[in-house]
Amino acid sequence: MKVQNITDINKFFETVDQCKGKVELVTGEGDRLNLKSKLCQYVSLANIFSNGEIPELEIVAHEKEDIDRLLSFMMNN
């Protein structure tokens, strides 16, 4: 799923941390980073976001309830 205009980075990663299954960030090169890993969260922040906002990400969540949780975050934040 593509997510756009994430302005509250901390809340986004809190939502990811609440997910039960694997949540991955797909890079432009096709690599997949495990967003539940704190190290990968820091790497993704350093590489993707530079002005306080993440304009667009492609993420893959493997559990339906995690997809629903992430969609709810996007709709409410």
N, C-alpha and C. Protein backbone atom coordinates (compact mmCIF):
# COMPACT_ATOMS: atom_id res chain seq x y z
N MET A 1 0.85 -1.17 0.00
CA MET A 1 0.00 0.00 0.00
C MET A 1 0.89 1.22 0.00
N LYS A 2 0.44 2.26 -0.65
CA LYS A 2 1.17 3.52 -0.65
C LYS A 2 0.53 4.41 0.41
N VAL A 3 1.37 4.99 1.23
CA VAL A 3 0.90 5.95 2.23
C VAL A 3 1.53 7.29 1.91
N GLN A 4 0.77 8.36 2.16
CA GLN A 4 1.22 9.69 1.76
C GLN A 4 1.09 10.68 2.89
N ASN A 5 1.94 11.70 2.80
CA ASN A 5 1.86 12.89 3.67
C ASN A 5 1.83 12.54 5.15
N ILE A 6 2.80 11.75 5.59
CA ILE A 6 2.92 11.45 7.01
C ILE A 6 3.61 12.64 7.66
N THR A 7 2.89 13.35 8.51
CA THR A 7 3.46 14.52 9.17
C THR A 7 3.83 14.23 10.62
N ASP A 8 3.20 13.24 11.25
CA ASP A 8 3.53 12.87 12.62
C ASP A 8 4.31 11.56 12.59
N ILE A 9 5.62 11.69 12.44
CA ILE A 9 6.48 10.52 12.29
C ILE A 9 6.44 9.63 13.52
N ASN A 10 6.45 10.25 14.71
CA ASN A 10 6.42 9.45 15.94
C ASN A 10 5.14 8.63 16.04
N LYS A 11 4.02 9.24 15.73
CA LYS A 11 2.73 8.52 15.78
C LYS A 11 2.71 7.41 14.74
N PHE A 12 3.29 7.65 13.57
CA PHE A 12 3.34 6.62 12.54
C PHE A 12 4.12 5.40 13.04
N PHE A 13 5.30 5.63 13.62
CA PHE A 13 6.11 4.51 14.11
C PHE A 13 5.47 3.86 15.34
N GLU A 14 4.73 4.60 16.16
CA GLU A 14 3.98 3.99 17.25
C GLU A 14 2.93 3.04 16.69
N THR A 15 2.27 3.45 15.62
CA THR A 15 1.27 2.61 14.97
C THR A 15 1.92 1.35 14.41
N VAL A 16 3.07 1.50 13.76
CA VAL A 16 3.80 0.35 13.23
C VAL A 16 4.18 -0.60 14.37
N ASP A 17 4.65 -0.04 15.49
CA ASP A 17 5.05 -0.87 16.63
C ASP A 17 3.89 -1.67 17.19
N GLN A 18 2.66 -1.18 17.05
CA GLN A 18 1.47 -1.89 17.54
C GLN A 18 1.05 -3.03 16.63
N CYS A 19 1.57 -3.07 15.43
CA CYS A 19 1.21 -4.12 14.49
C CYS A 19 1.72 -5.48 14.98
N LYS A 20 0.95 -6.52 14.73
CA LYS A 20 1.28 -7.87 15.18
C LYS A 20 2.26 -8.57 14.24
N GLY A 21 2.11 -8.35 12.95
CA GLY A 21 2.93 -9.03 11.96
C GLY A 21 4.02 -8.13 11.41
N LYS A 22 4.62 -8.59 10.35
CA LYS A 22 5.71 -7.87 9.70
C LYS A 22 5.16 -6.68 8.92
N VAL A 23 5.84 -5.55 9.05
CA VAL A 23 5.52 -4.34 8.28
C VAL A 23 6.82 -3.91 7.62
N GLU A 24 6.79 -3.81 6.30
CA GLU A 24 8.02 -3.53 5.56
C GLU A 24 7.88 -2.27 4.73
N LEU A 25 8.98 -1.54 4.63
CA LEU A 25 9.09 -0.39 3.74
C LEU A 25 9.77 -0.88 2.48
N VAL A 26 9.18 -0.61 1.33
CA VAL A 26 9.77 -0.98 0.05
C VAL A 26 10.52 0.24 -0.47
N THR A 27 11.83 0.09 -0.64
CA THR A 27 12.64 1.21 -1.14
C THR A 27 12.48 1.35 -2.64
N GLY A 28 12.99 2.43 -3.18
CA GLY A 28 12.95 2.66 -4.62
C GLY A 28 13.70 1.60 -5.41
N GLU A 29 14.67 0.95 -4.76
CA GLU A 29 15.44 -0.11 -5.41
C GLU A 29 14.78 -1.48 -5.26
N GLY A 30 13.65 -1.53 -4.54
CA GLY A 30 12.95 -2.79 -4.35
C GLY A 30 13.34 -3.55 -3.10
N ASP A 31 14.28 -2.99 -2.32
CA ASP A 31 14.64 -3.62 -1.05
C ASP A 31 13.50 -3.46 -0.06
N ARG A 32 13.42 -4.38 0.90
CA ARG A 32 12.38 -4.30 1.93
C ARG A 32 13.04 -4.16 3.29
N LEU A 33 12.66 -3.09 4.00
CA LEU A 33 13.18 -2.84 5.34
C LEU A 33 12.08 -3.14 6.35
N ASN A 34 12.44 -3.88 7.39
CA ASN A 34 11.49 -4.23 8.45
C ASN A 34 11.25 -3.00 9.32
N LEU A 35 10.09 -2.38 9.21
CA LEU A 35 9.80 -1.16 9.96
C LEU A 35 9.57 -1.41 11.44
N LYS A 36 9.47 -2.66 11.86
CA LYS A 36 9.34 -2.94 13.29
C LYS A 36 10.70 -2.92 13.98
N SER A 37 11.76 -2.90 13.20
CA SER A 37 13.12 -2.80 13.73
C SER A 37 13.45 -1.33 13.96
N LYS A 38 13.90 -1.00 15.16
CA LYS A 38 14.26 0.40 15.46
C LYS A 38 15.39 0.87 14.55
N LEU A 39 16.35 0.00 14.27
CA LEU A 39 17.45 0.38 13.39
C LEU A 39 16.92 0.74 12.01
N CYS A 40 16.02 -0.06 11.47
CA CYS A 40 15.45 0.23 10.15
C CYS A 40 14.61 1.50 10.17
N GLN A 41 13.94 1.77 11.31
CA GLN A 41 13.19 3.01 11.42
C GLN A 41 14.13 4.20 11.31
N TYR A 42 15.26 4.14 12.00
CA TYR A 42 16.23 5.24 11.92
C TYR A 42 16.83 5.38 10.53
N VAL A 43 17.13 4.25 9.90
CA VAL A 43 17.68 4.29 8.54
C VAL A 43 16.66 4.89 7.58
N SER A 44 15.40 4.48 7.72
CA SER A 44 14.37 5.01 6.81
C SER A 44 14.17 6.50 7.03
N LEU A 45 14.24 6.94 8.27
CA LEU A 45 14.13 8.38 8.55
C LEU A 45 15.28 9.14 7.90
N ALA A 46 16.47 8.62 8.04
CA ALA A 46 17.64 9.30 7.50
C ALA A 46 17.61 9.37 5.98
N ASN A 47 17.12 8.32 5.34
CA ASN A 47 17.15 8.25 3.88
C ASN A 47 15.95 8.90 3.21
N ILE A 48 14.80 8.90 3.84
CA ILE A 48 13.58 9.31 3.15
C ILE A 48 13.10 10.69 3.55
N PHE A 49 13.17 10.98 4.82
CA PHE A 49 12.50 12.19 5.27
C PHE A 49 13.53 13.23 5.68
N SER A 50 13.40 14.41 5.11
CA SER A 50 14.40 15.44 5.39
C SER A 50 13.78 16.76 5.82
N ASN A 51 12.49 16.96 5.60
CA ASN A 51 11.89 18.26 5.93
C ASN A 51 10.72 18.15 6.91
N GLY A 52 10.67 17.10 7.73
CA GLY A 52 9.61 16.96 8.71
C GLY A 52 8.37 16.27 8.20
N GLU A 53 8.40 15.82 6.97
CA GLU A 53 7.24 15.16 6.37
C GLU A 53 7.71 14.07 5.43
N ILE A 54 7.00 12.95 5.43
CA ILE A 54 7.28 11.90 4.46
C ILE A 54 6.20 11.98 3.40
N PRO A 55 6.54 12.40 2.17
CA PRO A 55 5.51 12.61 1.15
C PRO A 55 4.82 11.32 0.70
N GLU A 56 5.59 10.23 0.48
CA GLU A 56 4.96 8.98 0.04
C GLU A 56 5.89 7.82 0.34
N LEU A 57 5.30 6.74 0.84
CA LEU A 57 6.01 5.50 1.11
C LEU A 57 5.21 4.34 0.56
N GLU A 58 5.91 3.29 0.17
CA GLU A 58 5.23 2.04 -0.13
C GLU A 58 5.55 1.10 1.01
N ILE A 59 4.51 0.64 1.69
CA ILE A 59 4.71 -0.30 2.78
C ILE A 59 3.88 -1.55 2.54
N VAL A 60 4.36 -2.64 3.09
CA VAL A 60 3.67 -3.93 2.98
C VAL A 60 3.42 -4.43 4.39
N ALA A 61 2.16 -4.65 4.72
CA ALA A 61 1.78 -5.26 5.99
C ALA A 61 1.22 -6.64 5.66
N HIS A 62 1.62 -7.63 6.45
CA HIS A 62 1.27 -9.00 6.14
C HIS A 62 0.01 -9.50 6.83
N GLU A 63 -0.48 -8.79 7.85
CA GLU A 63 -1.68 -9.20 8.58
C GLU A 63 -2.81 -8.23 8.30
N LYS A 64 -4.02 -8.76 8.10
CA LYS A 64 -5.17 -7.90 7.79
C LYS A 64 -5.40 -6.85 8.88
N GLU A 65 -5.30 -7.25 10.15
CA GLU A 65 -5.54 -6.29 11.22
C GLU A 65 -4.49 -5.17 11.21
N ASP A 66 -3.29 -5.49 10.76
CA ASP A 66 -2.25 -4.46 10.66
C ASP A 66 -2.55 -3.50 9.52
N ILE A 67 -3.04 -4.02 8.41
CA ILE A 67 -3.46 -3.17 7.28
C ILE A 67 -4.56 -2.23 7.75
N ASP A 68 -5.54 -2.77 8.47
CA ASP A 68 -6.63 -1.94 8.98
C ASP A 68 -6.11 -0.87 9.93
N ARG A 69 -5.16 -1.23 10.80
CA ARG A 69 -4.59 -0.28 11.75
C ARG A 69 -3.86 0.85 11.01
N LEU A 70 -3.10 0.50 9.99
CA LEU A 70 -2.37 1.51 9.23
C LEU A 70 -3.31 2.39 8.42
N LEU A 71 -4.35 1.80 7.86
CA LEU A 71 -5.35 2.59 7.12
C LEU A 71 -6.06 3.56 8.06
N SER A 72 -6.38 3.10 9.26
CA SER A 72 -7.03 3.97 10.25
C SER A 72 -6.11 5.12 10.61
N PHE A 73 -4.82 4.85 10.79
CA PHE A 73 -3.87 5.92 11.07
C PHE A 73 -3.89 6.96 9.95
N MET A 74 -3.84 6.48 8.71
CA MET A 74 -3.80 7.40 7.57
C MET A 74 -5.07 8.24 7.46
N MET A 75 -6.20 7.65 7.78
CA MET A 75 -7.46 8.39 7.68
C MET A 75 -7.65 9.39 8.81
N ASN A 76 -7.08 9.11 9.97
CA ASN A 76 -7.32 9.94 11.14
C ASN A 76 -6.19 10.91 11.47
N ASN A 77 -5.08 10.82 10.77
CA ASN A 77 -3.94 11.70 11.09
C ASN A 77 -3.48 12.47 9.89
